[in-house]
């Protein structure tokens, strides 16, 4: 009877070994490899997308040295490079300055937020902190136009608002009524938020000054936004400030900025 049971088990189970003792099945032959493990269902799934680890945000991608910029207290209104532009920026990258509010201060960094972005850290060199001072009619000012840094002339003043006539939008607009904390005086000379020109082998260039610091070989240089907002570092001794108060005579030759280049007209 034991022999018949062994033959029946062999017929039912393909590949089974010889029958063993009455109490259990046969052992695997010596020297045989264990069966392979079942493949991971997720790894075997066709078209599976493997994402790289998230990249950490760098608040100073250009590795700018600290500068002697103006202090900014919590709640101050400033103009800062948006996070989406700052992330991974290099020299030559397009940058812009947008109205933001200081949420905190941490050594060489500020924490700012804007209408379109939550709070994020940013190195002070990518921020224009407007000058403080008394506003007077007819003076050049920094002001916010649709959230962007703009330049104009103060045309009117009230306790809670100011009227600004913008001069750098490329087209004429009526005087704009703005909250007073979005308007600040613009001093003459090399000042954050002002304009300057410099010369190289290709000619004269025109750009927006952001901040100054000793970035290379102890030479003081400025972060400048040139044509189309391209980030550049220019040594201070090469820069000439653009004067805001200028009254040319009729027929005089003047320099005009066009697409980041200065030309005589």
Protein backbone atom coordinates (compact mmCIF):
# COMPACT_ATOMS: atom_id res chain seq x y z
CA UNK A 1 0.00 0.00 0.00
CA UNK A 2 2.87 2.41 0.74
CA UNK A 3 4.28 1.85 -2.74
CA UNK A 4 0.94 2.64 -4.42
CA UNK A 5 0.53 5.90 -2.44
CA UNK A 6 4.04 6.96 -3.50
CA UNK A 7 3.25 6.41 -7.20
CA UNK A 8 -0.04 8.38 -6.91
CA UNK A 9 1.70 11.35 -5.22
CA UNK A 10 4.34 11.39 -7.95
CA UNK A 11 1.68 11.53 -10.63
CA UNK A 12 -0.21 14.40 -8.97
CA UNK A 13 2.76 16.64 -8.09
CA UNK A 14 5.17 17.23 -10.99
CA UNK A 15 8.80 17.24 -10.03
CA UNK A 16 8.23 15.78 -6.55
CA UNK A 17 11.04 13.66 -5.13
CA UNK A 18 10.87 10.13 -3.91
CA UNK A 19 8.48 9.44 -1.03
CA UNK A 20 9.91 9.74 2.41
CA UNK A 21 8.74 8.57 5.71
CA UNK A 22 5.12 8.25 6.63
CA UNK A 23 5.04 11.51 8.59
CA UNK A 24 6.35 14.07 5.98
CA UNK A 25 7.33 14.87 2.39
CA UNK A 26 10.72 14.30 0.80
CA UNK A 27 13.63 16.75 1.26
CA UNK A 28 15.11 18.72 -1.68
CA UNK A 29 18.06 17.00 -3.32
CA UNK A 30 21.46 18.11 -2.10
CA UNK A 31 23.12 20.86 -4.12
CA UNK A 32 19.93 22.37 -5.62
CA UNK A 33 19.49 26.20 -5.48
CA UNK A 34 16.46 27.64 -3.65
CA UNK A 35 13.67 28.95 -5.88
CA UNK A 36 14.06 32.63 -6.89
CA UNK A 37 12.18 35.23 -4.85
CA UNK A 38 9.07 36.74 -6.37
CA UNK A 39 9.87 40.05 -8.13
CA UNK A 40 8.74 43.31 -6.54
CA UNK A 41 5.42 44.22 -8.10
CA UNK A 42 6.19 47.97 -8.09
CA UNK A 43 9.65 47.51 -9.65
CA UNK A 44 8.27 45.24 -12.36
CA UNK A 45 5.46 47.63 -13.26
CA UNK A 46 6.13 48.98 -16.77
CA UNK A 47 6.50 52.76 -17.13
CA UNK A 48 7.35 53.36 -13.47
CA UNK A 49 8.86 56.87 -12.99
CA UNK A 50 11.76 57.13 -10.55
CA UNK A 51 12.13 60.74 -9.32
CA UNK A 52 15.49 62.19 -8.20
CA UNK A 53 15.79 63.41 -4.62
CA UNK A 54 14.51 66.97 -4.10
CA UNK A 55 17.10 69.73 -4.52
CA UNK A 56 17.67 72.03 -1.57
CA UNK A 57 16.91 75.72 -2.17
CA UNK A 58 20.02 77.93 -2.12
CA UNK A 59 19.27 81.55 -1.05
CA UNK A 60 22.64 82.70 -2.50
CA UNK A 61 23.19 80.80 -5.79
CA UNK A 62 25.75 83.33 -7.14
CA UNK A 63 27.87 82.98 -3.97
CA UNK A 64 27.89 86.74 -3.40
CA UNK A 65 29.93 88.12 -0.51
CA UNK A 66 28.08 89.97 2.27
CA UNK A 67 27.74 93.69 1.67
CA UNK A 68 27.09 96.80 3.76
CA UNK A 69 23.47 97.08 2.66
CA UNK A 70 20.75 98.92 4.54
CA UNK A 71 19.15 97.19 7.50
CA UNK A 72 15.61 95.91 7.07
CA UNK A 73 13.30 95.40 10.01
CA UNK A 74 10.44 92.95 10.20
CA UNK A 75 7.46 94.28 8.26
CA UNK A 76 9.55 96.49 5.97
CA UNK A 77 8.61 96.73 2.30
CA UNK A 78 11.50 95.81 0.01
CA UNK A 79 12.14 94.70 -3.58
CA UNK A 80 13.48 91.14 -3.80
CA UNK A 81 14.27 88.57 -6.48
CA UNK A 82 11.39 86.04 -6.54
CA UNK A 83 12.20 82.53 -5.36
CA UNK A 84 11.36 80.92 -8.71
CA UNK A 85 14.01 83.14 -10.38
CA UNK A 86 16.57 82.80 -7.61
CA UNK A 87 16.44 79.00 -7.54
CA UNK A 88 19.48 77.75 -9.48
CA UNK A 89 20.36 81.21 -10.85
CA UNK A 90 23.75 81.82 -12.50
CA UNK A 91 25.53 84.85 -13.89
CA UNK A 92 23.59 85.73 -17.03
CA UNK A 93 20.29 84.41 -15.65
CA UNK A 94 17.28 86.70 -15.92
CA UNK A 95 16.37 88.24 -12.57
CA UNK A 96 13.76 90.80 -11.56
CA UNK A 97 12.87 92.72 -8.43
CA UNK A 98 9.37 92.41 -6.98
CA UNK A 99 7.69 94.04 -4.03
CA UNK A 100 7.98 91.89 -0.89
CA UNK A 101 7.54 92.12 2.88
CA UNK A 102 10.24 91.19 5.37
CA UNK A 103 9.00 88.41 7.66
CA UNK A 104 12.26 87.80 9.54
CA UNK A 105 15.98 88.57 9.71
CA UNK A 106 18.72 85.96 10.04
CA UNK A 107 22.38 87.14 9.79
CA UNK A 108 23.08 87.71 6.07
CA UNK A 109 19.64 86.46 5.03
CA UNK A 110 16.14 87.83 5.10
CA UNK A 111 12.88 85.92 5.08
CA UNK A 112 10.45 87.62 2.71
CA UNK A 113 7.02 86.96 1.26
CA UNK A 114 4.95 88.47 -1.53
CA UNK A 115 1.47 88.26 -2.95
CA UNK A 116 2.45 85.40 -5.23
CA UNK A 117 4.97 83.53 -3.03
CA UNK A 118 5.02 82.24 0.51
CA UNK A 119 7.85 83.16 2.87
CA UNK A 120 11.32 82.07 1.69
CA UNK A 121 14.92 82.87 2.72
CA UNK A 122 17.03 85.12 0.50
CA UNK A 123 20.53 86.57 0.83
CA UNK A 124 20.58 90.34 1.39
CA UNK A 125 22.54 90.91 -1.84
CA UNK A 126 19.44 90.01 -3.90
CA UNK A 127 17.25 92.57 -2.12
CA UNK A 128 16.88 96.32 -2.60
CA UNK A 129 16.04 97.99 0.70
CA UNK A 130 14.73 101.47 -0.19
CA UNK A 131 16.28 104.50 1.46
CA UNK A 132 14.42 106.25 4.22
CA UNK A 133 13.82 109.98 4.07
CA UNK A 134 11.30 112.70 3.60
CA UNK A 135 9.25 112.62 0.42
CA UNK A 136 8.95 115.88 -1.48
CA UNK A 137 7.12 116.75 -4.67
CA UNK A 138 9.20 116.53 -7.83
CA UNK A 139 11.84 114.20 -6.37
CA UNK A 140 12.87 110.88 -8.03
CA UNK A 141 11.42 107.86 -6.26
CA UNK A 142 11.36 104.08 -6.26
CA UNK A 143 7.83 102.76 -6.45
CA UNK A 144 5.90 99.58 -7.07
CA UNK A 145 4.07 99.23 -10.37
CA UNK A 146 1.96 96.06 -10.47
CA UNK A 147 4.35 94.51 -7.97
CA UNK A 148 7.55 95.30 -9.90
CA UNK A 149 10.24 97.84 -9.09
CA UNK A 150 9.64 101.05 -11.02
CA UNK A 151 11.11 104.56 -11.15
CA UNK A 152 9.22 107.81 -11.25
CA UNK A 153 8.72 111.34 -10.03
CA UNK A 154 6.64 112.16 -6.98
CA UNK A 155 3.66 114.17 -8.21
CA UNK A 156 1.54 114.37 -5.09
CA UNK A 157 1.54 113.37 -1.43
CA UNK A 158 -1.11 112.54 1.16
CA UNK A 159 -0.95 111.08 4.64
CA UNK A 160 -1.78 107.58 3.39
CA UNK A 161 -0.91 107.66 -0.32
CA UNK A 162 1.35 109.20 -2.92
CA UNK A 163 0.95 109.99 -6.61
CA UNK A 164 3.78 108.87 -8.88
CA UNK A 165 4.45 109.59 -12.54
CA UNK A 166 6.41 106.59 -13.80
CA UNK A 167 9.18 107.28 -16.31
CA UNK A 168 10.62 103.83 -17.16
CA UNK A 169 7.63 101.78 -18.35
CA UNK A 170 8.18 102.35 -22.06
CA UNK A 171 4.84 104.13 -22.39
CA UNK A 172 3.06 107.05 -20.74
CA UNK A 173 0.55 106.52 -17.98
CA UNK A 174 -1.56 108.83 -15.86
CA UNK A 175 -0.22 109.51 -12.38
CA UNK A 176 -0.58 106.41 -10.22
CA UNK A 177 -1.98 106.54 -6.70
CA UNK A 178 0.00 104.21 -4.42
CA UNK A 179 0.25 103.42 -0.70
CA UNK A 180 2.98 105.52 0.90
CA UNK A 181 4.90 102.46 2.10
CA UNK A 182 5.38 101.44 -1.56
CA UNK A 183 7.13 104.71 -2.44
CA UNK A 184 10.63 105.73 -1.33
CA UNK A 185 13.16 108.44 -2.23
CA UNK A 186 15.95 107.55 -4.66
CA UNK A 187 19.23 109.32 -3.76
CA UNK A 188 21.70 110.39 -6.43
CA UNK A 189 24.86 108.37 -7.09
CA UNK A 190 25.48 104.63 -7.04
CA UNK A 191 22.46 103.51 -5.04
CA UNK A 192 20.54 100.23 -4.81
CA UNK A 193 17.59 100.54 -7.14
CA UNK A 194 19.25 103.22 -9.28
CA UNK A 195 20.75 102.99 -12.76
CA UNK A 196 24.36 103.07 -13.92
CA UNK A 197 26.35 102.70 -17.13
CA UNK A 198 29.68 100.94 -17.74
CA UNK A 199 31.93 100.23 -20.68
CA UNK A 200 33.59 97.10 -22.06
CA UNK A 201 35.04 96.01 -25.39
CA UNK A 202 31.53 95.95 -26.90
CA UNK A 203 30.63 99.51 -25.89
CA UNK A 204 28.55 101.19 -23.19
CA UNK A 205 25.95 99.24 -21.21
CA UNK A 206 23.05 100.27 -18.99
CA UNK A 207 21.78 98.39 -15.95
CA UNK A 208 19.87 98.40 -12.68
CA UNK A 209 21.95 98.41 -9.48
CA UNK A 210 20.96 95.85 -6.84
CA UNK A 211 23.72 95.63 -4.21
CA UNK A 212 27.46 96.04 -3.61
CA UNK A 213 30.08 93.86 -1.92
CA UNK A 214 33.66 92.61 -2.18
CA UNK A 215 33.10 89.59 -4.42
CA UNK A 216 36.53 89.03 -5.97
CA UNK A 217 40.08 89.92 -4.92
CA UNK A 218 38.79 92.45 -2.40
CA UNK A 219 37.43 94.61 -5.25
CA UNK A 220 34.08 96.18 -4.52
CA UNK A 221 31.60 95.14 -7.19
CA UNK A 222 27.88 95.53 -7.83
CA UNK A 223 25.23 93.01 -8.74
CA UNK A 224 23.68 94.64 -11.81
CA UNK A 225 20.69 93.58 -13.90
CA UNK A 226 21.60 94.36 -17.51
CA UNK A 227 19.82 93.68 -20.77
CA UNK A 228 16.63 91.63 -20.23
CA UNK A 229 17.48 91.44 -16.51
CA UNK A 230 20.69 89.42 -17.04
CA UNK A 231 22.64 89.19 -13.75
CA UNK A 232 26.17 90.60 -13.94
CA UNK A 233 28.94 91.52 -11.51
CA UNK A 234 30.60 94.84 -12.39
CA UNK A 235 33.51 96.44 -10.50
CA UNK A 236 32.47 99.67 -8.87
CA UNK A 237 35.27 101.74 -10.42
CA UNK A 238 33.80 100.99 -13.89
CA UNK A 239 30.32 102.25 -13.04
CA UNK A 240 28.96 105.73 -13.65
CA UNK A 241 25.65 106.63 -12.02
CA UNK A 242 22.80 107.90 -14.16
CA UNK A 243 21.74 111.35 -12.97
CA UNK A 244 18.02 111.88 -12.48
CA UNK A 245 18.10 115.66 -12.58
CA UNK A 246 19.26 116.65 -16.05
CA UNK A 247 18.13 119.57 -18.19
CA UNK A 248 19.67 119.31 -21.66
CA UNK A 249 19.57 122.19 -24.08
CA UNK A 250 17.80 121.90 -27.40
CA UNK A 251 20.09 120.28 -29.96
CA UNK A 252 22.49 118.81 -27.37
CA UNK A 253 23.85 115.31 -27.87
CA UNK A 254 22.57 112.91 -25.22
CA UNK A 255 23.06 109.24 -24.35
CA UNK A 256 19.97 107.03 -24.53
CA UNK A 257 19.52 103.48 -23.18
CA UNK A 258 18.02 101.02 -25.66
CA UNK A 259 17.81 97.30 -24.79
CA UNK A 260 20.64 97.58 -22.28
CA UNK A 261 23.02 99.51 -24.57
CA UNK A 262 23.85 103.22 -24.42
CA UNK A 263 24.07 105.16 -27.68
CA UNK A 264 24.48 108.82 -28.57
CA UNK A 265 21.45 110.62 -30.03
